[in-house]
Amino acid sequence: MIDKESIRYNATFEKKGSMVYISHLDLMTLFRRAIRRANLPFVLTKGFTPRVKISMPKALKVGSESTSEEMSFWLEEKNEPEGRIQA
């Protein structure tokens, strides 16, 4: 099987207010669902249970606020950003 070339996107987001009570794993699930619902051409992980490929290098403990959390996600093709997603 030939793998398609994927493009890595880096994003920053804030974790404030009631979001501080969401755990790191639940936050990753939230972003995976958001990428799927946005109908983006996402890349899946390889393995027994493929998931949307994302990476969050630093796990913030539950109850802590942050104004500059980082994450990366991979798409199969280049997409031009049409605007910011704010929640």
PDB file of N, CA and C in Angstrom:
ATOM      1  N   MET A   1       0.836  -1.177   0.000  1.00  0.00           N
ATOM      2  CA  MET A   1       0.000   0.000   0.000  1.00  0.00           C
ATOM      3  C   MET A   1       0.882   1.241   0.000  1.00  0.00           C
ATOM      4  N   ILE A   2       0.598   2.180  -0.872  1.00  0.00           N
ATOM      5  CA  ILE A   2       1.376   3.411  -0.976  1.00  0.00           C
ATOM      6  C   ILE A   2       0.707   4.490  -0.143  1.00  0.00           C
ATOM      7  N   ASP A   3       1.486   5.122   0.748  1.00  0.00           N
ATOM      8  CA  ASP A   3       0.955   6.198   1.576  1.00  0.00           C
ATOM      9  C   ASP A   3       0.974   7.505   0.812  1.00  0.00           C
ATOM     10  N   LYS A   4      -0.092   8.281   0.962  1.00  0.00           N
ATOM     11  CA  LYS A   4      -0.127   9.607   0.370  1.00  0.00           C
ATOM     12  C   LYS A   4       0.723  10.547   1.212  1.00  0.00           C
ATOM     13  N   GLU A   5       1.216  11.589   0.569  1.00  0.00           N
ATOM     14  CA  GLU A   5       1.977  12.585   1.305  1.00  0.00           C
ATOM     15  C   GLU A   5       1.008  13.406   2.147  1.00  0.00           C
ATOM     16  N   SER A   6       1.355  13.623   3.391  1.00  0.00           N
ATOM     17  CA  SER A   6       0.473  14.386   4.275  1.00  0.00           C
ATOM     18  C   SER A   6       1.137  15.705   4.663  1.00  0.00           C
ATOM     19  N   ILE A   7       0.306  16.656   5.033  1.00  0.00           N
ATOM     20  CA  ILE A   7       0.780  17.982   5.410  1.00  0.00           C
ATOM     21  C   ILE A   7       0.456  18.201   6.878  1.00  0.00           C
ATOM     22  N   ARG A   8       1.459  18.650   7.630  1.00  0.00           N
ATOM     23  CA  ARG A   8       1.290  18.889   9.060  1.00  0.00           C
ATOM     24  C   ARG A   8       0.888  20.345   9.284  1.00  0.00           C
ATOM     25  N   TYR A   9      -0.150  20.532  10.095  1.00  0.00           N
ATOM     26  CA  TYR A   9      -0.607  21.862  10.476  1.00  0.00           C
ATOM     27  C   TYR A   9      -0.409  22.025  11.976  1.00  0.00           C
ATOM     28  N   ASN A  10       0.071  23.181  12.394  1.00  0.00           N
ATOM     29  CA  ASN A  10       0.245  23.495  13.808  1.00  0.00           C
ATOM     30  C   ASN A  10      -0.802  24.522  14.208  1.00  0.00           C
ATOM     31  N   ALA A  11      -1.374  24.350  15.381  1.00  0.00           N
ATOM     32  CA  ALA A  11      -2.401  25.266  15.868  1.00  0.00           C
ATOM     33  C   ALA A  11      -2.152  25.575  17.338  1.00  0.00           C
ATOM     34  N   THR A  12      -2.582  26.745  17.757  1.00  0.00           N
ATOM     35  CA  THR A  12      -2.544  27.109  19.171  1.00  0.00           C
ATOM     36  C   THR A  12      -3.968  27.420  19.617  1.00  0.00           C
ATOM     37  N   PHE A  13      -4.253  27.134  20.870  1.00  0.00           N
ATOM     38  CA  PHE A  13      -5.585  27.381  21.410  1.00  0.00           C
ATOM     39  C   PHE A  13      -5.475  27.713  22.883  1.00  0.00           C
ATOM     40  N   GLU A  14      -6.555  28.251  23.433  1.00  0.00           N
ATOM     41  CA  GLU A  14      -6.614  28.599  24.846  1.00  0.00           C
ATOM     42  C   GLU A  14      -7.475  27.585  25.593  1.00  0.00           C
ATOM     43  N   LYS A  15      -7.102  27.340  26.817  1.00  0.00           N
ATOM     44  CA  LYS A  15      -7.886  26.456  27.682  1.00  0.00           C
ATOM     45  C   LYS A  15      -8.206  27.255  28.946  1.00  0.00           C
ATOM     46  N   LYS A  16      -9.405  27.858  28.962  1.00  0.00           N
ATOM     47  CA  LYS A  16      -9.808  28.720  30.073  1.00  0.00           C
ATOM     48  C   LYS A  16     -11.254  28.422  30.464  1.00  0.00           C
ATOM     49  N   GLY A  17     -11.666  28.997  31.571  1.00  0.00           N
ATOM     50  CA  GLY A  17     -13.050  28.849  32.028  1.00  0.00           C
ATOM     51  C   GLY A  17     -13.379  27.415  32.396  1.00  0.00           C
ATOM     52  N   SER A  18     -14.551  26.954  31.982  1.00  0.00           N
ATOM     53  CA  SER A  18     -14.980  25.595  32.326  1.00  0.00           C
ATOM     54  C   SER A  18     -14.188  24.527  31.568  1.00  0.00           C
ATOM     55  N   MET A  19     -13.433  24.928  30.530  1.00  0.00           N
ATOM     56  CA  MET A  19     -12.606  23.970  29.780  1.00  0.00           C
ATOM     57  C   MET A  19     -11.460  23.407  30.622  1.00  0.00           C
ATOM     58  N   VAL A  20     -11.104  24.067  31.733  1.00  0.00           N
ATOM     59  CA  VAL A  20      -9.993  23.578  32.552  1.00  0.00           C
ATOM     60  C   VAL A  20     -10.305  22.234  33.198  1.00  0.00           C
ATOM     61  N   TYR A  21     -11.577  21.837  33.228  1.00  0.00           N
ATOM     62  CA  TYR A  21     -11.960  20.570  33.847  1.00  0.00           C
ATOM     63  C   TYR A  21     -11.987  19.409  32.856  1.00  0.00           C
ATOM     64  N   ILE A  22     -11.589  19.655  31.615  1.00  0.00           N
ATOM     65  CA  ILE A  22     -11.514  18.592  30.613  1.00  0.00           C
ATOM     66  C   ILE A  22     -10.106  18.005  30.639  1.00  0.00           C
ATOM     67  N   SER A  23     -10.010  16.691  30.717  1.00  0.00           N
ATOM     68  CA  SER A  23      -8.700  16.032  30.782  1.00  0.00           C
ATOM     69  C   SER A  23      -8.009  16.061  29.420  1.00  0.00           C
ATOM     70  N   HIS A  24      -6.741  15.733  29.414  1.00  0.00           N
ATOM     71  CA  HIS A  24      -5.940  15.744  28.185  1.00  0.00           C
ATOM     72  C   HIS A  24      -6.498  14.765  27.146  1.00  0.00           C
ATOM     73  N   LEU A  25      -6.827  13.552  27.557  1.00  0.00           N
ATOM     74  CA  LEU A  25      -7.353  12.560  26.612  1.00  0.00           C
ATOM     75  C   LEU A  25      -8.722  12.960  26.074  1.00  0.00           C
ATOM     76  N   ASP A  26      -9.568  13.543  26.928  1.00  0.00           N
ATOM     77  CA  ASP A  26     -10.874  14.011  26.462  1.00  0.00           C
ATOM     78  C   ASP A  26     -10.724  15.177  25.492  1.00  0.00           C
ATOM     79  N   LEU A  27      -9.732  16.022  25.709  1.00  0.00           N
ATOM     80  CA  LEU A  27      -9.474  17.141  24.805  1.00  0.00           C
ATOM     81  C   LEU A  27      -9.025  16.638  23.434  1.00  0.00           C
ATOM     82  N   MET A  28      -8.203  15.597  23.411  1.00  0.00           N
ATOM     83  CA  MET A  28      -7.782  15.009  22.142  1.00  0.00           C
ATOM     84  C   MET A  28      -8.983  14.408  21.410  1.00  0.00           C
ATOM     85  N   THR A  29      -9.879  13.745  22.135  1.00  0.00           N
ATOM     86  CA  THR A  29     -11.096  13.198  21.534  1.00  0.00           C
ATOM     87  C   THR A  29     -11.964  14.314  20.969  1.00  0.00           C
ATOM     88  N   LEU A  30     -12.064  15.422  21.693  1.00  0.00           N
ATOM     89  CA  LEU A  30     -12.847  16.566  21.237  1.00  0.00           C
ATOM     90  C   LEU A  30     -12.315  17.098  19.909  1.00  0.00           C
ATOM     91  N   PHE A  31     -10.989  17.263  19.796  1.00  0.00           N
ATOM     92  CA  PHE A  31     -10.407  17.772  18.555  1.00  0.00           C
ATOM     93  C   PHE A  31     -10.537  16.760  17.412  1.00  0.00           C
ATOM     94  N   ARG A  32     -10.408  15.474  17.707  1.00  0.00           N
ATOM     95  CA  ARG A  32     -10.602  14.457  16.664  1.00  0.00           C
ATOM     96  C   ARG A  32     -12.015  14.531  16.096  1.00  0.00           C
ATOM     97  N   ARG A  33     -12.997  14.669  16.966  1.00  0.00           N
ATOM     98  CA  ARG A  33     -14.391  14.772  16.512  1.00  0.00           C
ATOM     99  C   ARG A  33     -14.614  16.045  15.706  1.00  0.00           C
ATOM    100  N   ALA A  34     -14.005  17.150  16.140  1.00  0.00           N
ATOM    101  CA  ALA A  34     -14.166  18.421  15.426  1.00  0.00           C
ATOM    102  C   ALA A  34     -13.582  18.335  14.018  1.00  0.00           C
ATOM    103  N   ILE A  35     -12.429  17.683  13.881  1.00  0.00           N
ATOM    104  CA  ILE A  35     -11.798  17.533  12.561  1.00  0.00           C
ATOM    105  C   ILE A  35     -12.664  16.655  11.665  1.00  0.00           C
ATOM    106  N   ARG A  36     -13.222  15.580  12.208  1.00  0.00           N
ATOM    107  CA  ARG A  36     -14.113  14.712  11.420  1.00  0.00           C
ATOM    108  C   ARG A  36     -15.371  15.457  10.981  1.00  0.00           C
ATOM    109  N   ARG A  37     -15.976  16.203  11.904  1.00  0.00           N
ATOM    110  CA  ARG A  37     -17.222  16.918  11.596  1.00  0.00           C
ATOM    111  C   ARG A  37     -17.009  18.054  10.605  1.00  0.00           C
ATOM    112  N   ALA A  38     -15.788  18.586  10.541  1.00  0.00           N
ATOM    113  CA  ALA A  38     -15.484  19.663   9.594  1.00  0.00           C
ATOM    114  C   ALA A  38     -15.249  19.125   8.182  1.00  0.00           C
ATOM    115  N   ASN A  39     -15.316  17.805   8.022  1.00  0.00           N
ATOM    116  CA  ASN A  39     -15.099  17.148   6.719  1.00  0.00           C
ATOM    117  C   ASN A  39     -13.749  17.497   6.105  1.00  0.00           C
ATOM    118  N   LEU A  40     -12.731  17.591   6.940  1.00  0.00           N
ATOM    119  CA  LEU A  40     -11.374  17.823   6.448  1.00  0.00           C
ATOM    120  C   LEU A  40     -10.778  16.497   5.987  1.00  0.00           C
ATOM    121  N   PRO A  41      -9.890  16.516   5.004  1.00  0.00           N
ATOM    122  CA  PRO A  41      -9.261  15.274   4.518  1.00  0.00           C
ATOM    123  C   PRO A  41      -8.160  14.808   5.481  1.00  0.00           C
ATOM    124  N   PHE A  42      -8.552  14.291   6.637  1.00  0.00           N
ATOM    125  CA  PHE A  42      -7.617  13.944   7.700  1.00  0.00           C
ATOM    126  C   PHE A  42      -6.833  12.675   7.392  1.00  0.00           C
ATOM    127  N   VAL A  43      -5.706  12.535   8.077  1.00  0.00           N
ATOM    128  CA  VAL A  43      -4.850  11.353   7.980  1.00  0.00           C
ATOM    129  C   VAL A  43      -5.136  10.483   9.201  1.00  0.00           C
ATOM    130  N   LEU A  44      -5.215   9.177   8.993  1.00  0.00           N
ATOM    131  CA  LEU A  44      -5.442   8.240  10.084  1.00  0.00           C
ATOM    132  C   LEU A  44      -4.123   7.659  10.571  1.00  0.00           C
ATOM    133  N   THR A  45      -4.089   7.308  11.859  1.00  0.00           N
ATOM    134  CA  THR A  45      -2.921   6.631  12.402  1.00  0.00           C
ATOM    135  C   THR A  45      -2.888   5.212  11.863  1.00  0.00           C
ATOM    136  N   LYS A  46      -1.714   4.627  11.887  1.00  0.00           N
ATOM    137  CA  LYS A  46      -1.575   3.237  11.453  1.00  0.00           C
ATOM    138  C   LYS A  46      -1.681   2.351  12.689  1.00  0.00           C
ATOM    139  N   GLY A  47      -2.289   1.208  12.546  1.00  0.00           N
ATOM    140  CA  GLY A  47      -2.415   0.311  13.675  1.00  0.00           C
ATOM    141  C   GLY A  47      -3.755  -0.390  13.681  1.00  0.00           C
ATOM    142  N   PHE A  48      -4.023  -1.079  14.772  1.00  0.00           N
ATOM    143  CA  PHE A  48      -5.232  -1.888  14.874  1.00  0.00           C
ATOM    144  C   PHE A  48      -6.490  -1.025  14.923  1.00  0.00           C
ATOM    145  N   THR A  49      -6.428   0.112  15.627  1.00  0.00           N
ATOM    146  CA  THR A  49      -7.568   1.023  15.734  1.00  0.00           C
ATOM    147  C   THR A  49      -7.175   2.383  15.175  1.00  0.00           C
ATOM    148  N   PRO A  50      -7.362   2.619  13.870  1.00  0.00           N
ATOM    149  CA  PRO A  50      -6.964   3.900  13.284  1.00  0.00           C
ATOM    150  C   PRO A  50      -7.800   5.059  13.824  1.00  0.00           C
ATOM    151  N   ARG A  51      -7.128   6.164  14.116  1.00  0.00           N
ATOM    152  CA  ARG A  51      -7.770   7.380  14.610  1.00  0.00           C
ATOM    153  C   ARG A  51      -7.239   8.559  13.822  1.00  0.00           C
ATOM    154  N   VAL A  52      -7.924   9.692  13.922  1.00  0.00           N
ATOM    155  CA  VAL A  52      -7.435  10.918  13.298  1.00  0.00           C
ATOM    156  C   VAL A  52      -6.080  11.243  13.924  1.00  0.00           C
ATOM    157  N   LYS A  53      -5.081  11.504  13.080  1.00  0.00           N
ATOM    158  CA  LYS A  53      -3.721  11.723  13.568  1.00  0.00           C
ATOM    159  C   LYS A  53      -3.565  13.155  14.070  1.00  0.00           C
ATOM    160  N   ILE A  54      -3.454  13.298  15.392  1.00  0.00           N
ATOM    161  CA  ILE A  54      -3.174  14.587  16.015  1.00  0.00           C
ATOM    162  C   ILE A  54      -2.111  14.380  17.078  1.00  0.00           C
ATOM    163  N   SER A  55      -1.483  15.482  17.472  1.00  0.00           N
ATOM    164  CA  SER A  55      -0.447  15.415  18.492  1.00  0.00           C
ATOM    165  C   SER A  55      -0.541  16.645  19.381  1.00  0.00           C
ATOM    166  N   MET A  56      -0.528  16.409  20.684  1.00  0.00           N
ATOM    167  CA  MET A  56      -0.451  17.490  21.660  1.00  0.00           C
ATOM    168  C   MET A  56       0.747  17.190  22.544  1.00  0.00           C
ATOM    169  N   PRO A  57       1.864  17.893  22.334  1.00  0.00           N
ATOM    170  CA  PRO A  57       3.102  17.526  23.014  1.00  0.00           C
ATOM    171  C   PRO A  57       3.103  17.727  24.524  1.00  0.00           C
ATOM    172  N   LYS A  58       2.342  18.685  25.029  1.00  0.00           N
ATOM    173  CA  LYS A  58       2.360  18.965  26.464  1.00  0.00           C
ATOM    174  C   LYS A  58       0.982  18.706  27.055  1.00  0.00           C
ATOM    175  N   ALA A  59       0.928  17.838  28.047  1.00  0.00           N
ATOM    176  CA  ALA A  59      -0.337  17.571  28.735  1.00  0.00           C
ATOM    177  C   ALA A  59      -0.468  18.541  29.903  1.00  0.00           C
ATOM    178  N   LEU A  60      -1.526  19.335  29.880  1.00  0.00           N
ATOM    179  CA  LEU A  60      -1.791  20.288  30.950  1.00  0.00           C
ATOM    180  C   LEU A  60      -2.655  19.597  31.998  1.00  0.00           C
ATOM    181  N   LYS A  61      -2.303  19.742  33.262  1.00  0.00           N
ATOM    182  CA  LYS A  61      -3.073  19.053  34.300  1.00  0.00           C
ATOM    183  C   LYS A  61      -4.474  19.650  34.422  1.00  0.00           C
ATOM    184  N   VAL A  62      -5.403  18.826  34.880  1.00  0.00           N
ATOM    185  CA  VAL A  62      -6.798  19.241  35.026  1.00  0.00           C
ATOM    186  C   VAL A  62      -6.877  20.351  36.071  1.00  0.00           C
ATOM    187  N   GLY A  63      -7.604  21.424  35.735  1.00  0.00           N
ATOM    188  CA  GLY A  63      -7.769  22.551  36.650  1.00  0.00           C
ATOM    189  C   GLY A  63      -6.835  23.710  36.363  1.00  0.00           C
ATOM    190  N   SER A  64      -5.916  23.559  35.408  1.00  0.00           N
ATOM    191  CA  SER A  64      -4.969  24.626  35.065  1.00  0.00           C
ATOM    192  C   SER A  64      -5.411  25.345  33.798  1.00  0.00           C
ATOM    193  N   GLU A  65      -5.230  26.675  33.792  1.00  0.00           N
ATOM    194  CA  GLU A  65      -5.543  27.475  32.607  1.00  0.00           C
ATOM    195  C   GLU A  65      -4.291  27.682  31.775  1.00  0.00           C
ATOM    196  N   SER A  66      -4.504  27.924  30.485  1.00  0.00           N
ATOM    197  CA  SER A  66      -3.397  28.207  29.578  1.00  0.00           C
ATOM    198  C   SER A  66      -3.910  29.078  28.441  1.00  0.00           C
ATOM    199  N   THR A  67      -3.053  29.981  27.964  1.00  0.00           N
ATOM    200  CA  THR A  67      -3.433  30.842  26.839  1.00  0.00           C
ATOM    201  C   THR A  67      -2.713  30.454  25.562  1.00  0.00           C
ATOM    202  N   SER A  68      -1.835  29.462  25.623  1.00  0.00           N
ATOM    203  CA  SER A  68      -1.105  29.079  24.403  1.00  0.00           C
ATOM    204  C   SER A  68      -0.781  27.589  24.385  1.00  0.00           C
ATOM    205  N   GLU A  69      -1.809  26.771  24.305  1.00  0.00           N
ATOM    206  CA  GLU A  69      -1.619  25.333  24.144  1.00  0.00           C
ATOM    207  C   GLU A  69      -1.350  25.031  22.676  1.00  0.00           C
ATOM    208  N   GLU A  70      -0.502  24.049  22.417  1.00  0.00           N
ATOM    209  CA  GLU A  70      -0.119  23.708  21.048  1.00  0.00           C
ATOM    210  C   GLU A  70      -0.664  22.341  20.657  1.00  0.00           C
ATOM    211  N   MET A  71      -0.974  22.198  19.376  1.00  0.00           N
ATOM    212  CA  MET A  71      -1.365  20.902  18.835  1.00  0.00           C
ATOM    213  C   MET A  71      -0.977  20.847  17.368  1.00  0.00           C
ATOM    214  N   SER A  72      -0.809  19.646  16.853  1.00  0.00           N
ATOM    215  CA  SER A  72      -0.534  19.428  15.433  1.00  0.00           C
ATOM    216  C   SER A  72      -1.530  18.406  14.913  1.00  0.00           C
ATOM    217  N   PHE A  73      -1.915  18.562  13.650  1.00  0.00           N
ATOM    218  CA  PHE A  73      -2.755  17.568  12.995  1.00  0.00           C
ATOM    219  C   PHE A  73      -2.330  17.467  11.543  1.00  0.00           C
ATOM    220  N   TRP A  74      -2.622  16.343  10.932  1.00  0.00           N
ATOM    221  CA  TRP A  74      -2.175  16.063   9.573  1.00  0.00           C
ATOM    222  C   TRP A  74      -3.369  15.935   8.643  1.00  0.00           C
ATOM    223  N   LEU A  75      -3.252  16.546   7.445  1.00  0.00           N
ATOM    224  CA  LEU A  75      -4.274  16.433   6.414  1.00  0.00           C
ATOM    225  C   LEU A  75      -3.649  15.847   5.162  1.00  0.00           C
ATOM    226  N   GLU A  76      -4.463  15.203   4.329  1.00  0.00           N
ATOM    227  CA  GLU A  76      -3.964  14.563   3.110  1.00  0.00           C
ATOM    228  C   GLU A  76      -3.678  15.549   1.992  1.00  0.00           C
ATOM    229  N   GLU A  77      -4.289  16.697   2.034  1.00  0.00           N
ATOM    230  CA  GLU A  77      -4.062  17.684   0.981  1.00  0.00           C
ATOM    231  C   GLU A  77      -3.996  19.071   1.598  1.00  0.00           C
ATOM    232  N   LYS A  78      -3.446  20.007   0.842  1.00  0.00           N
ATOM    233  CA  LYS A  78      -3.266  21.360   1.347  1.00  0.00           C
ATOM    234  C   LYS A  78      -4.599  22.097   1.356  1.00  0.00           C
ATOM    235  N   ASN A  79      -4.927  22.698   2.481  1.00  0.00           N
ATOM    236  CA  ASN A  79      -6.143  23.500   2.623  1.00  0.00           C
ATOM    237  C   ASN A  79      -5.742  24.910   3.014  1.00  0.00           C
ATOM    238  N   GLU A  80      -6.307  25.878   2.335  1.00  0.00           N
ATOM    239  CA  GLU A  80      -6.057  27.268   2.686  1.00  0.00           C
ATOM    240  C   GLU A  80      -6.980  27.648   3.843  1.00  0.00           C
ATOM    241  N   PRO A  81      -6.428  28.263   4.881  1.00  0.00           N
ATOM    242  CA  PRO A  81      -7.282  28.644   6.012  1.00  0.00           C
ATOM    243  C   PRO A  81      -8.249  29.756   5.614  1.00  0.00           C
ATOM    244  N   GLU A  82      -9.533  29.525   5.847  1.00  0.00           N
ATOM    245  CA  GLU A  82     -10.545  30.519   5.508  1.00  0.00           C
ATOM    246  C   GLU A  82     -10.848  31.425   6.692  1.00  0.00           C
ATOM    247  N   GLY A  83     -10.369  31.090   7.838  1.00  0.00           N
ATOM    248  CA  GLY A  83     -10.619  31.888   9.034  1.00  0.00           C
ATOM    249  C   GLY A  83     -10.291  31.084  10.269  1.00  0.00           C
ATOM    250  N   ARG A  84     -10.437  31.716  11.403  1.00  0.00           N
ATOM    251  CA  ARG A  84     -10.161  31.033  12.660  1.00  0.00           C
ATOM    252  C   ARG A  84     -11.410  30.347  13.173  1.00  0.00           C
ATOM    253  N   ILE A  85     -11.192  29.270  13.884  1.00  0.00           N
ATOM    254  CA  ILE A  85     -12.296  28.594  14.554  1.00  0.00           C
ATOM    255  C   ILE A  85     -12.275  29.067  15.999  1.00  0.00           C
ATOM    256  N   GLN A  86     -13.370  29.620  16.459  1.00  0.00           N
ATOM    257  CA  GLN A  86     -13.446  30.101  17.833  1.00  0.00           C
ATOM    258  C   GLN A  86     -14.589  29.402  18.535  1.00  0.00           C
ATOM    259  N   ALA A  87     -14.313  28.922  19.740  1.00  0.00           N
ATOM    260  CA  ALA A  87     -15.360  28.242  20.508  1.00  0.00           C
ATOM    261  C   ALA A  87     -15.422  28.798  21.906  1.00  0.00           C
TER     262      ALA A  87
END
